[in-house]
Amino acid sequence: MTRSTFFLFSEIDMGLSSAVMTSKLDPRDVPIKAAATVMAVRNVDGGGVEVFMLQRTGRAAFGAGMYVFPGGRVDDVDGATELEPYCSGMTDAEASAQMGLKAGGLAFWVAAVRECFEEAGILIALRRDGSAPAVDDEARHAVHDGTLSMLELCQQNDLLLDLTSTEYVDHWVTPAGEQRRFDTRFFVTRAPQDQDGVHDDKETVDSLWVRPTVALEMAEAGELQVMPPTVANLKWLAQYTTADGALAAAAARTQVAPILPKLRFDAEGAITGISLPTDDDYDLIALDDPHYASLDWVE
């Protein structure tokens, strides 16, 4: 059975595909990688909020052409203990407690800030004196290509990552049966007033500030291609008329349960969609379904 591309789930930067081959792999053996995604929001004149979205290049190996929030894998350097003193408003102990982890939770916040800077050019940080950072595109690209770490960026520019305006809001895990799987934590942050954001013209080819309700209408009309976690978080964000309201609601969420969709198959074994925990058939779908063993992975 040919691997379906129906459910391109992740918001994550996976680079560009250079070769195609097929192989067999038990879906339960696919490693689940930590990731972070962030909704940068701002108030709109006249009321309401806008959120920043990016369109991934059509050549991307994962999520090609999709409109997403800035996001990516949590890198080892995001969890460097040396970074904690450069994080304002959050300690690793506090971040880990929010996520139900023994340690390492702060790395998700750092990854969210880093990815927002890399992909959107929006830096959620302040100078130690409270003034806005003065960091150019050269630094952005250096962070993106790994020649400059977030620790070095903070040290060189006397910065603190401003985690006081970044809240943990949602948690999705890519379903078993997908070739790449991620344990993705979603955040919402207030975009600084003097930073408009822009795509990088490499991995992303378009960007826009859009009201959540408008984005959902565009998605329904086929004008924006979005993935299920994106839809769910746009619906959540659409409830709020101010950035402060969204951040307060996120901060009030004391427990964020992970959402683990499952793949649906038809009688011939083709993937037809996903089932969410709220769907009637969710508990009826088992990972030992023989259709999983028939999947051909495209690499």
C-alpha atoms as a PDB file:
ATOM      1  CA  MET A   1       0.000   0.000   0.000  1.00  0.00           C
ATOM      2  CA  THR A   2       1.397   3.418  -0.927  1.00  0.00           C
ATOM      3  CA  ARG A   3       1.961   5.824   1.940  1.00  0.00           C
ATOM      4  CA  SER A   4      -0.718   8.516   1.943  1.00  0.00           C
ATOM      5  CA  THR A   5       0.124  12.177   2.398  1.00  0.00           C
ATOM      6  CA  PHE A   6      -3.359  12.975   3.698  1.00  0.00           C
ATOM      7  CA  PHE A   7      -2.276  13.977   7.174  1.00  0.00           C
ATOM      8  CA  LEU A   8       0.731  16.250   7.045  1.00  0.00           C
ATOM      9  CA  PHE A   9       0.550  16.931  10.748  1.00  0.00           C
ATOM     10  CA  SER A  10       3.548  18.808  12.006  1.00  0.00           C
ATOM     11  CA  GLU A  11       4.363  22.491  12.113  1.00  0.00           C
ATOM     12  CA  ILE A  12       8.001  21.476  12.147  1.00  0.00           C
ATOM     13  CA  ASP A  13      10.860  22.455   9.843  1.00  0.00           C
ATOM     14  CA  MET A  14      12.119  19.217   8.313  1.00  0.00           C
ATOM     15  CA  GLY A  15      14.217  20.647   5.462  1.00  0.00           C
ATOM     16  CA  LEU A  16      13.875  19.757   1.801  1.00  0.00           C
ATOM     17  CA  SER A  17      13.473  16.306   0.312  1.00  0.00           C
ATOM     18  CA  SER A  18      16.335  15.211  -1.940  1.00  0.00           C
ATOM     19  CA  ALA A  19      15.522  11.562  -2.604  1.00  0.00           C
ATOM     20  CA  VAL A  20      12.527   9.233  -2.671  1.00  0.00           C
ATOM     21  CA  MET A  21      12.527   5.588  -1.635  1.00  0.00           C
ATOM     22  CA  THR A  22      10.131   3.300   0.205  1.00  0.00           C
ATOM     23  CA  SER A  23      10.740   1.103   3.223  1.00  0.00           C
ATOM     24  CA  LYS A  24       8.809  -0.845   5.835  1.00  0.00           C
ATOM     25  CA  LEU A  25       8.824   0.384   9.411  1.00  0.00           C
ATOM     26  CA  ASP A  26       6.747  -0.504  12.437  1.00  0.00           C
ATOM     27  CA  PRO A  27       4.914   2.735  13.286  1.00  0.00           C
ATOM     28  CA  ARG A  28       5.548   2.102  16.966  1.00  0.00           C
ATOM     29  CA  ASP A  29       9.293   2.283  16.312  1.00  0.00           C
ATOM     30  CA  VAL A  30       9.221   5.841  14.953  1.00  0.00           C
ATOM     31  CA  PRO A  31      10.953   8.138  17.474  1.00  0.00           C
ATOM     32  CA  ILE A  32       8.894  11.006  18.860  1.00  0.00           C
ATOM     33  CA  LYS A  33      10.886  14.244  18.882  1.00  0.00           C
ATOM     34  CA  ALA A  34      10.245  17.240  21.126  1.00  0.00           C
ATOM     35  CA  ALA A  35       9.047  20.389  19.344  1.00  0.00           C
ATOM     36  CA  ALA A  36       7.615  23.822  20.062  1.00  0.00           C
ATOM     37  CA  THR A  37       5.257  26.057  18.089  1.00  0.00           C
ATOM     38  CA  VAL A  38       4.275  29.636  18.926  1.00  0.00           C
ATOM     39  CA  MET A  39       1.328  31.853  18.033  1.00  0.00           C
ATOM     40  CA  ALA A  40       2.545  35.450  17.972  1.00  0.00           C
ATOM     41  CA  VAL A  41      -0.481  37.700  18.482  1.00  0.00           C
ATOM     42  CA  ARG A  42      -1.155  41.419  18.445  1.00  0.00           C
ATOM     43  CA  ASN A  43      -4.147  43.678  18.979  1.00  0.00           C
ATOM     44  CA  VAL A  44      -5.994  45.132  15.997  1.00  0.00           C
ATOM     45  CA  ASP A  45      -7.259  48.702  15.834  1.00  0.00           C
ATOM     46  CA  GLY A  46     -10.983  48.609  16.404  1.00  0.00           C
ATOM     47  CA  GLY A  47     -10.843  45.419  18.450  1.00  0.00           C
ATOM     48  CA  GLY A  48      -9.777  41.828  17.992  1.00  0.00           C
ATOM     49  CA  VAL A  49      -6.444  40.081  17.556  1.00  0.00           C
ATOM     50  CA  GLU A  50      -4.283  38.949  14.680  1.00  0.00           C
ATOM     51  CA  VAL A  51      -1.905  36.001  14.616  1.00  0.00           C
ATOM     52  CA  PHE A  52       1.232  35.621  12.508  1.00  0.00           C
ATOM     53  CA  MET A  53       1.273  32.713  10.030  1.00  0.00           C
ATOM     54  CA  LEU A  54       3.833  31.446   7.520  1.00  0.00           C
ATOM     55  CA  GLN A  55       3.457  29.399   4.343  1.00  0.00           C
ATOM     56  CA  ARG A  56       5.962  26.584   3.989  1.00  0.00           C
ATOM     57  CA  THR A  57       7.686  26.124   0.652  1.00  0.00           C
ATOM     58  CA  GLY A  58       6.096  23.635  -1.736  1.00  0.00           C
ATOM     59  CA  ARG A  59       9.409  21.760  -1.800  1.00  0.00           C
ATOM     60  CA  ALA A  60       9.391  21.015   1.913  1.00  0.00           C
ATOM     61  CA  ALA A  61       9.567  17.355   2.864  1.00  0.00           C
ATOM     62  CA  PHE A  62       6.923  17.917   5.523  1.00  0.00           C
ATOM     63  CA  GLY A  63       3.889  20.196   5.468  1.00  0.00           C
ATOM     64  CA  ALA A  64       4.630  21.461   1.948  1.00  0.00           C
ATOM     65  CA  GLY A  65       2.545  24.542   1.110  1.00  0.00           C
ATOM     66  CA  MET A  66       0.849  24.570   4.501  1.00  0.00           C
ATOM     67  CA  TYR A  67       0.215  27.710   6.504  1.00  0.00           C
ATOM     68  CA  VAL A  68       1.665  27.248   9.977  1.00  0.00           C
ATOM     69  CA  PHE A  69       2.767  29.091  13.078  1.00  0.00           C
ATOM     70  CA  PRO A  70       6.520  29.479  13.601  1.00  0.00           C
ATOM     71  CA  GLY A  71       7.867  26.302  15.139  1.00  0.00           C
ATOM     72  CA  GLY A  72      10.477  23.595  15.102  1.00  0.00           C
ATOM     73  CA  ARG A  73      12.282  20.877  16.944  1.00  0.00           C
ATOM     74  CA  VAL A  74      13.687  21.460  20.403  1.00  0.00           C
ATOM     75  CA  ASP A  75      17.468  21.433  19.977  1.00  0.00           C
ATOM     76  CA  ASP A  76      19.920  20.255  22.610  1.00  0.00           C
ATOM     77  CA  VAL A  77      21.266  23.804  22.959  1.00  0.00           C
ATOM     78  CA  ASP A  78      17.769  25.046  23.890  1.00  0.00           C
ATOM     79  CA  GLY A  79      18.133  23.177  27.164  1.00  0.00           C
ATOM     80  CA  ALA A  80      21.586  24.497  28.055  1.00  0.00           C
ATOM     81  CA  THR A  81      21.753  25.296  31.766  1.00  0.00           C
ATOM     82  CA  GLU A  82      23.788  28.404  30.909  1.00  0.00           C
ATOM     83  CA  LEU A  83      20.684  29.868  29.220  1.00  0.00           C
ATOM     84  CA  GLU A  84      18.460  29.926  32.298  1.00  0.00           C
ATOM     85  CA  PRO A  85      19.912  33.181  33.704  1.00  0.00           C
ATOM     86  CA  TYR A  86      19.020  34.802  30.365  1.00  0.00           C
ATOM     87  CA  CYS A  87      15.350  33.817  30.664  1.00  0.00           C
ATOM     88  CA  SER A  88      13.132  36.431  32.299  1.00  0.00           C
ATOM     89  CA  GLY A  89       9.937  35.281  33.980  1.00  0.00           C
ATOM     90  CA  MET A  90      10.451  31.514  33.938  1.00  0.00           C
ATOM     91  CA  THR A  91      12.774  28.965  35.521  1.00  0.00           C
ATOM     92  CA  ASP A  92      13.299  25.400  34.401  1.00  0.00           C
ATOM     93  CA  ALA A  93      11.588  24.155  37.553  1.00  0.00           C
ATOM     94  CA  GLU A  94       8.508  26.290  36.847  1.00  0.00           C
ATOM     95  CA  ALA A  95       8.391  25.382  33.153  1.00  0.00           C
ATOM     96  CA  SER A  96       8.818  21.690  33.891  1.00  0.00           C
ATOM     97  CA  ALA A  97       6.067  21.756  36.514  1.00  0.00           C
ATOM     98  CA  GLN A  98       3.652  23.301  34.014  1.00  0.00           C
ATOM     99  CA  MET A  99       4.401  20.521  31.535  1.00  0.00           C
ATOM    100  CA  GLY A 100       4.448  17.671  34.012  1.00  0.00           C
ATOM    101  CA  LEU A 101       8.140  17.017  33.403  1.00  0.00           C
ATOM    102  CA  LYS A 102      10.843  16.279  35.945  1.00  0.00           C
ATOM    103  CA  ALA A 103      13.206  18.704  34.203  1.00  0.00           C
ATOM    104  CA  GLY A 104      13.934  20.280  30.841  1.00  0.00           C
ATOM    105  CA  GLY A 105      10.683  22.180  30.375  1.00  0.00           C
ATOM    106  CA  LEU A 106      12.409  25.523  29.867  1.00  0.00           C
ATOM    107  CA  ALA A 107      13.924  24.195  26.616  1.00  0.00           C
ATOM    108  CA  PHE A 108      10.451  24.255  25.030  1.00  0.00           C
ATOM    109  CA  TRP A 109      10.021  27.959  25.853  1.00  0.00           C
ATOM    110  CA  VAL A 110      13.503  28.730  24.523  1.00  0.00           C
ATOM    111  CA  ALA A 111      12.805  26.750  21.341  1.00  0.00           C
ATOM    112  CA  ALA A 112       9.557  28.679  20.825  1.00  0.00           C
ATOM    113  CA  VAL A 113      11.398  32.010  21.113  1.00  0.00           C
ATOM    114  CA  ARG A 114      14.251  30.821  18.895  1.00  0.00           C
ATOM    115  CA  GLU A 115      11.960  29.508  16.163  1.00  0.00           C
ATOM    116  CA  CYS A 116       9.897  32.699  16.222  1.00  0.00           C
ATOM    117  CA  PHE A 117      13.101  34.668  15.639  1.00  0.00           C
ATOM    118  CA  GLU A 118      14.456  32.308  12.970  1.00  0.00           C
ATOM    119  CA  GLU A 119      11.262  31.859  10.969  1.00  0.00           C
ATOM    120  CA  ALA A 120       9.373  35.102  11.570  1.00  0.00           C
ATOM    121  CA  GLY A 121      12.107  37.584  12.467  1.00  0.00           C
ATOM    122  CA  ILE A 122      10.226  38.348  15.693  1.00  0.00           C
ATOM    123  CA  LEU A 123      12.490  38.355  18.749  1.00  0.00           C
ATOM    124  CA  ILE A 124      10.697  37.964  22.080  1.00  0.00           C
ATOM    125  CA  ALA A 125      13.413  39.571  24.167  1.00  0.00           C
ATOM    126  CA  LEU A 126      14.445  42.771  25.906  1.00  0.00           C
ATOM    127  CA  ARG A 127      17.752  44.349  26.764  1.00  0.00           C
ATOM    128  CA  ARG A 128      18.608  44.135  30.442  1.00  0.00           C
ATOM    129  CA  ASP A 129      17.761  47.834  30.817  1.00  0.00           C
ATOM    130  CA  GLY A 130      14.236  47.119  29.533  1.00  0.00           C
ATOM    131  CA  SER A 131      14.721  48.656  26.107  1.00  0.00           C
ATOM    132  CA  ALA A 132      13.892  46.969  22.803  1.00  0.00           C
ATOM    133  CA  PRO A 133      16.589  44.766  21.247  1.00  0.00           C
ATOM    134  CA  ALA A 134      18.542  46.039  18.267  1.00  0.00           C
ATOM    135  CA  VAL A 135      19.318  42.812  16.413  1.00  0.00           C
ATOM    136  CA  ASP A 136      19.629  42.654  12.623  1.00  0.00           C
ATOM    137  CA  ASP A 137      18.818  40.034   9.993  1.00  0.00           C
ATOM    138  CA  GLU A 138      22.418  38.862   9.961  1.00  0.00           C
ATOM    139  CA  ALA A 139      21.987  37.629  13.536  1.00  0.00           C
ATOM    140  CA  ARG A 140      18.655  36.042  12.629  1.00  0.00           C
ATOM    141  CA  HIS A 141      20.231  34.043   9.805  1.00  0.00           C
ATOM    142  CA  ALA A 142      23.215  33.102  11.977  1.00  0.00           C
ATOM    143  CA  VAL A 143      20.889  31.667  14.625  1.00  0.00           C
ATOM    144  CA  HIS A 144      18.967  29.845  11.895  1.00  0.00           C
ATOM    145  CA  ASP A 145      22.047  28.191  10.397  1.00  0.00           C
ATOM    146  CA  GLY A 146      23.507  27.323  13.786  1.00  0.00           C
ATOM    147  CA  THR A 147      26.583  29.546  13.686  1.00  0.00           C
ATOM    148  CA  LEU A 148      25.188  31.676  16.531  1.00  0.00           C
ATOM    149  CA  SER A 149      23.440  30.182  19.560  1.00  0.00           C
ATOM    150  CA  MET A 150      20.698  31.889  21.529  1.00  0.00           C
ATOM    151  CA  LEU A 151      23.098  32.048  24.475  1.00  0.00           C
ATOM    152  CA  GLU A 152      25.652  33.882  22.342  1.00  0.00           C
ATOM    153  CA  LEU A 153      22.947  36.174  20.943  1.00  0.00           C
ATOM    154  CA  CYS A 154      21.928  37.135  24.475  1.00  0.00           C
ATOM    155  CA  GLN A 155      25.510  37.611  25.635  1.00  0.00           C
ATOM    156  CA  GLN A 156      26.531  39.727  22.662  1.00  0.00           C
ATOM    157  CA  ASN A 157      23.462  41.983  22.807  1.00  0.00           C
ATOM    158  CA  ASP A 158      22.856  42.077  26.573  1.00  0.00           C
ATOM    159  CA  LEU A 159      19.451  40.405  26.114  1.00  0.00           C
ATOM    160  CA  LEU A 160      16.960  38.531  28.254  1.00  0.00           C
ATOM    161  CA  LEU A 161      14.425  36.237  26.602  1.00  0.00           C
ATOM    162  CA  ASP A 162      11.089  37.704  27.692  1.00  0.00           C
ATOM    163  CA  LEU A 163       9.110  34.668  28.809  1.00  0.00           C
ATOM    164  CA  THR A 164       6.729  36.810  30.852  1.00  0.00           C
ATOM    165  CA  SER A 165       4.606  37.249  27.714  1.00  0.00           C
ATOM    166  CA  THR A 166       4.792  33.656  26.455  1.00  0.00           C
ATOM    167  CA  GLU A 167       2.259  31.114  27.748  1.00  0.00           C
ATOM    168  CA  TYR A 168       1.900  27.363  27.256  1.00  0.00           C
ATOM    169  CA  VAL A 169      -1.494  26.583  25.735  1.00  0.00           C
ATOM    170  CA  ASP A 170      -1.710  23.214  23.934  1.00  0.00           C
ATOM    171  CA  HIS A 171      -0.020  19.845  23.386  1.00  0.00           C
ATOM    172  CA  TRP A 172      -0.291  17.619  20.306  1.00  0.00           C
ATOM    173  CA  VAL A 173       1.461  14.364  19.426  1.00  0.00           C
ATOM    174  CA  THR A 174       1.699  13.226  15.809  1.00  0.00           C
ATOM    175  CA  PRO A 175      -0.328  10.014  15.341  1.00  0.00           C
ATOM    176  CA  ALA A 176       1.305   6.619  15.039  1.00  0.00           C
ATOM    177  CA  GLY A 177       1.593   5.714  11.377  1.00  0.00           C
ATOM    178  CA  GLU A 178       3.181   9.022  10.385  1.00  0.00           C
ATOM    179  CA  GLN A 179       6.737   8.849   9.088  1.00  0.00           C
ATOM    180  CA  ARG A 180       7.859  11.683  11.352  1.00  0.00           C
ATOM    181  CA  ARG A 181       6.418  12.135  14.803  1.00  0.00           C
ATOM    182  CA  PHE A 182       6.609  15.065  17.195  1.00  0.00           C
ATOM    183  CA  ASP A 183       5.601  15.823  20.748  1.00  0.00           C
ATOM    184  CA  THR A 184       4.677  19.453  20.121  1.00  0.00           C
ATOM    185  CA  ARG A 185       3.946  22.063  22.762  1.00  0.00           C
ATOM    186  CA  PHE A 186       2.005  25.117  21.579  1.00  0.00           C
ATOM    187  CA  PHE A 187       2.573  28.585  22.999  1.00  0.00           C
ATOM    188  CA  VAL A 188       0.979  31.991  22.602  1.00  0.00           C
ATOM    189  CA  THR A 189       3.046  35.167  22.884  1.00  0.00           C
ATOM    190  CA  ARG A 190       2.495  38.880  22.526  1.00  0.00           C
ATOM    191  CA  ALA A 191       4.407  40.197  19.516  1.00  0.00           C
ATOM    192  CA  PRO A 192       6.474  43.314  20.280  1.00  0.00           C
ATOM    193  CA  GLN A 193       4.882  46.461  18.833  1.00  0.00           C
ATOM    194  CA  ASP A 194       7.910  47.381  16.743  1.00  0.00           C
ATOM    195  CA  GLN A 195       8.333  43.962  15.085  1.00  0.00           C
ATOM    196  CA  ASP A 196       6.070  43.129  12.139  1.00  0.00           C
ATOM    197  CA  GLY A 197       7.595  39.774  11.171  1.00  0.00           C
ATOM    198  CA  VAL A 198       8.486  38.432   7.746  1.00  0.00           C
ATOM    199  CA  HIS A 199       9.086  34.989   6.190  1.00  0.00           C
ATOM    200  CA  ASP A 200      12.626  33.937   5.322  1.00  0.00           C
ATOM    201  CA  ASP A 201      12.090  33.222   1.571  1.00  0.00           C
ATOM    202  CA  LYS A 202      13.810  29.864   2.047  1.00  0.00           C
ATOM    203  CA  GLU A 203      11.767  27.406   4.049  1.00  0.00           C
ATOM    204  CA  THR A 204       8.802  29.776   4.065  1.00  0.00           C
ATOM    205  CA  VAL A 205       7.564  31.734   1.052  1.00  0.00           C
ATOM    206  CA  ASP A 206       4.713  33.854   2.368  1.00  0.00           C
ATOM    207  CA  SER A 207       3.538  35.348   5.655  1.00  0.00           C
ATOM    208  CA  LEU A 208       0.563  37.272   6.942  1.00  0.00           C
ATOM    209  CA  TRP A 209      -1.057  38.718  10.005  1.00  0.00           C
ATOM    210  CA  VAL A 210      -4.615  37.460  10.069  1.00  0.00           C
ATOM    211  CA  ARG A 211      -7.584  37.400  12.420  1.00  0.00           C
ATOM    212  CA  PRO A 212      -8.169  33.807  13.599  1.00  0.00           C
ATOM    213  CA  THR A 213     -11.773  33.878  12.365  1.00  0.00           C
ATOM    214  CA  VAL A 214     -10.647  35.060   8.924  1.00  0.00           C
ATOM    215  CA  ALA A 215      -7.957  32.358   8.772  1.00  0.00           C
ATOM    216  CA  LEU A 216     -10.578  29.723   9.568  1.00  0.00           C
ATOM    217  CA  GLU A 217     -12.887  31.106   6.876  1.00  0.00           C
ATOM    218  CA  MET A 218     -10.028  31.070   4.358  1.00  0.00           C
ATOM    219  CA  ALA A 219      -9.174  27.511   5.318  1.00  0.00           C
ATOM    220  CA  GLU A 220     -12.804  26.451   4.867  1.00  0.00           C
ATOM    221  CA  ALA A 221     -12.804  28.077   1.430  1.00  0.00           C
ATOM    222  CA  GLY A 222      -9.581  26.319   0.454  1.00  0.00           C
ATOM    223  CA  GLU A 223      -7.553  29.536   0.383  1.00  0.00           C
ATOM    224  CA  LEU A 224      -5.286  28.481   3.260  1.00  0.00           C
ATOM    225  CA  GLN A 225      -4.034  24.923   3.656  1.00  0.00           C
ATOM    226  CA  VAL A 226      -3.791  24.201   7.372  1.00  0.00           C
ATOM    227  CA  MET A 227      -3.329  21.150   9.563  1.00  0.00           C
ATOM    228  CA  PRO A 228      -5.629  19.936  12.369  1.00  0.00           C
ATOM    229  CA  PRO A 229      -3.558  21.320  15.283  1.00  0.00           C
ATOM    230  CA  THR A 230      -3.448  24.698  13.531  1.00  0.00           C
ATOM    231  CA  VAL A 231      -7.233  24.681  13.106  1.00  0.00           C
ATOM    232  CA  ALA A 232      -7.755  23.747  16.752  1.00  0.00           C
ATOM    233  CA  ASN A 233      -5.543  26.554  18.000  1.00  0.00           C
ATOM    234  CA  LEU A 234      -7.056  29.114  15.636  1.00  0.00           C
ATOM    235  CA  LYS A 235     -10.468  28.178  17.052  1.00  0.00           C
ATOM    236  CA  TRP A 236      -9.136  28.594  20.581  1.00  0.00           C
ATOM    237  CA  LEU A 237      -7.580  31.970  19.769  1.00  0.00           C
ATOM    238  CA  ALA A 238     -10.756  33.187  18.033  1.00  0.00           C
ATOM    239  CA  GLN A 239     -12.521  33.292  21.420  1.00  0.00           C
ATOM    240  CA  TYR A 240     -10.488  36.316  22.553  1.00  0.00           C
ATOM    241  CA  THR A 241     -10.725  39.942  21.537  1.00  0.00           C
ATOM    242  CA  THR A 242      -7.381  41.080  22.946  1.00  0.00           C
ATOM    243  CA  ALA A 243      -3.869  39.684  23.218  1.00  0.00           C
ATOM    244  CA  ASP A 244      -4.078  40.154  26.984  1.00  0.00           C
ATOM    245  CA  GLY A 245      -7.243  38.075  27.064  1.00  0.00           C
ATOM    246  CA  ALA A 246      -5.629  35.215  25.166  1.00  0.00           C
ATOM    247  CA  LEU A 247      -2.515  35.291  27.348  1.00  0.00           C
ATOM    248  CA  ALA A 248      -4.583  35.380  30.540  1.00  0.00           C
ATOM    249  CA  ALA A 249      -6.665  32.425  29.373  1.00  0.00           C
ATOM    250  CA  ALA A 250      -3.525  30.470  28.532  1.00  0.00           C
ATOM    251  CA  ALA A 251      -1.946  31.297  31.886  1.00  0.00           C
ATOM    252  CA  ALA A 252      -5.086  30.051  33.646  1.00  0.00           C
ATOM    253  CA  ARG A 253      -4.734  26.587  32.097  1.00  0.00           C
ATOM    254  CA  THR A 254      -3.141  24.614  34.922  1.00  0.00           C
ATOM    255  CA  GLN A 255      -3.271  21.262  33.117  1.00  0.00           C
ATOM    256  CA  VAL A 256      -2.776  20.819  29.373  1.00  0.00           C
ATOM    257  CA  ALA A 257      -3.610  17.280  28.314  1.00  0.00           C
ATOM    258  CA  PRO A 258      -1.827  15.852  25.262  1.00  0.00           C
ATOM    259  CA  ILE A 259      -3.935  15.232  22.168  1.00  0.00           C
ATOM    260  CA  LEU A 260      -2.963  12.090  20.261  1.00  0.00           C
ATOM    261  CA  PRO A 261      -4.944  11.647  17.015  1.00  0.00           C
ATOM    262  CA  LYS A 262      -5.210   8.249  15.334  1.00  0.00           C
ATOM    263  CA  LEU A 263      -5.213   7.467  11.631  1.00  0.00           C
ATOM    264  CA  ARG A 264      -8.379   6.218   9.981  1.00  0.00           C
ATOM    265  CA  PHE A 265      -8.285   3.601   7.185  1.00  0.00           C
ATOM    266  CA  ASP A 266     -10.859   2.511   4.636  1.00  0.00           C
ATOM    267  CA  ALA A 267     -11.568  -1.116   3.750  1.00  0.00           C
ATOM    268  CA  GLU A 268      -8.690  -1.137   1.256  1.00  0.00           C
ATOM    269  CA  GLY A 269      -6.232   0.211   3.806  1.00  0.00           C
ATOM    270  CA  ALA A 270      -5.947   3.761   2.440  1.00  0.00           C
ATOM    271  CA  ILE A 271      -5.670   6.534   5.012  1.00  0.00           C
ATOM    272  CA  THR A 272      -8.873   8.570   4.955  1.00  0.00           C
ATOM    273  CA  GLY A 273      -8.317  10.975   7.830  1.00  0.00           C
ATOM    274  CA  ILE A 274      -7.771  11.164  11.558  1.00  0.00           C
ATOM    275  CA  SER A 275      -9.798  10.467  14.650  1.00  0.00           C
ATOM    276  CA  LEU A 276      -9.552  12.766  17.657  1.00  0.00           C
ATOM    277  CA  PRO A 277     -10.165  11.747  21.296  1.00  0.00           C
ATOM    278  CA  THR A 278     -13.596  13.423  21.107  1.00  0.00           C
ATOM    279  CA  ASP A 279     -14.679  11.310  18.100  1.00  0.00           C
ATOM    280  CA  ASP A 280     -16.948   8.295  18.558  1.00  0.00           C
ATOM    281  CA  ASP A 281     -14.576   5.880  16.827  1.00  0.00           C
ATOM    282  CA  TYR A 282     -11.409   6.944  18.644  1.00  0.00           C
ATOM    283  CA  ASP A 283     -11.314   4.089  21.164  1.00  0.00           C
ATOM    284  CA  LEU A 284     -12.146   1.585  18.430  1.00  0.00           C
ATOM    285  CA  ILE A 285      -8.915   2.280  16.508  1.00  0.00           C
ATOM    286  CA  ALA A 286      -6.047   0.092  17.701  1.00  0.00           C
ATOM    287  CA  LEU A 287      -2.349   0.406  16.902  1.00  0.00           C
ATOM    288  CA  ASP A 288      -2.271  -3.313  16.069  1.00  0.00           C
ATOM    289  CA  ASP A 289      -4.567  -2.652  13.096  1.00  0.00           C
ATOM    290  CA  PRO A 290      -2.977  -4.694  10.266  1.00  0.00           C
ATOM    291  CA  HIS A 291      -3.193  -1.664   7.966  1.00  0.00           C
ATOM    292  CA  TYR A 292      -0.331  -0.042   9.904  1.00  0.00           C
ATOM    293  CA  ALA A 293       1.972  -2.915   8.998  1.00  0.00           C
ATOM    294  CA  SER A 294       1.170  -2.395   5.308  1.00  0.00           C
ATOM    295  CA  LEU A 295       2.279   1.219   5.147  1.00  0.00           C
ATOM    296  CA  ASP A 296       5.056   2.065   2.704  1.00  0.00           C
ATOM    297  CA  TRP A 297       7.235   4.888   3.981  1.00  0.00           C
ATOM    298  CA  VAL A 298       8.388   7.461   1.447  1.00  0.00           C
ATOM    299  CA  GLU A 299      11.863   8.715   2.377  1.00  0.00           C
END
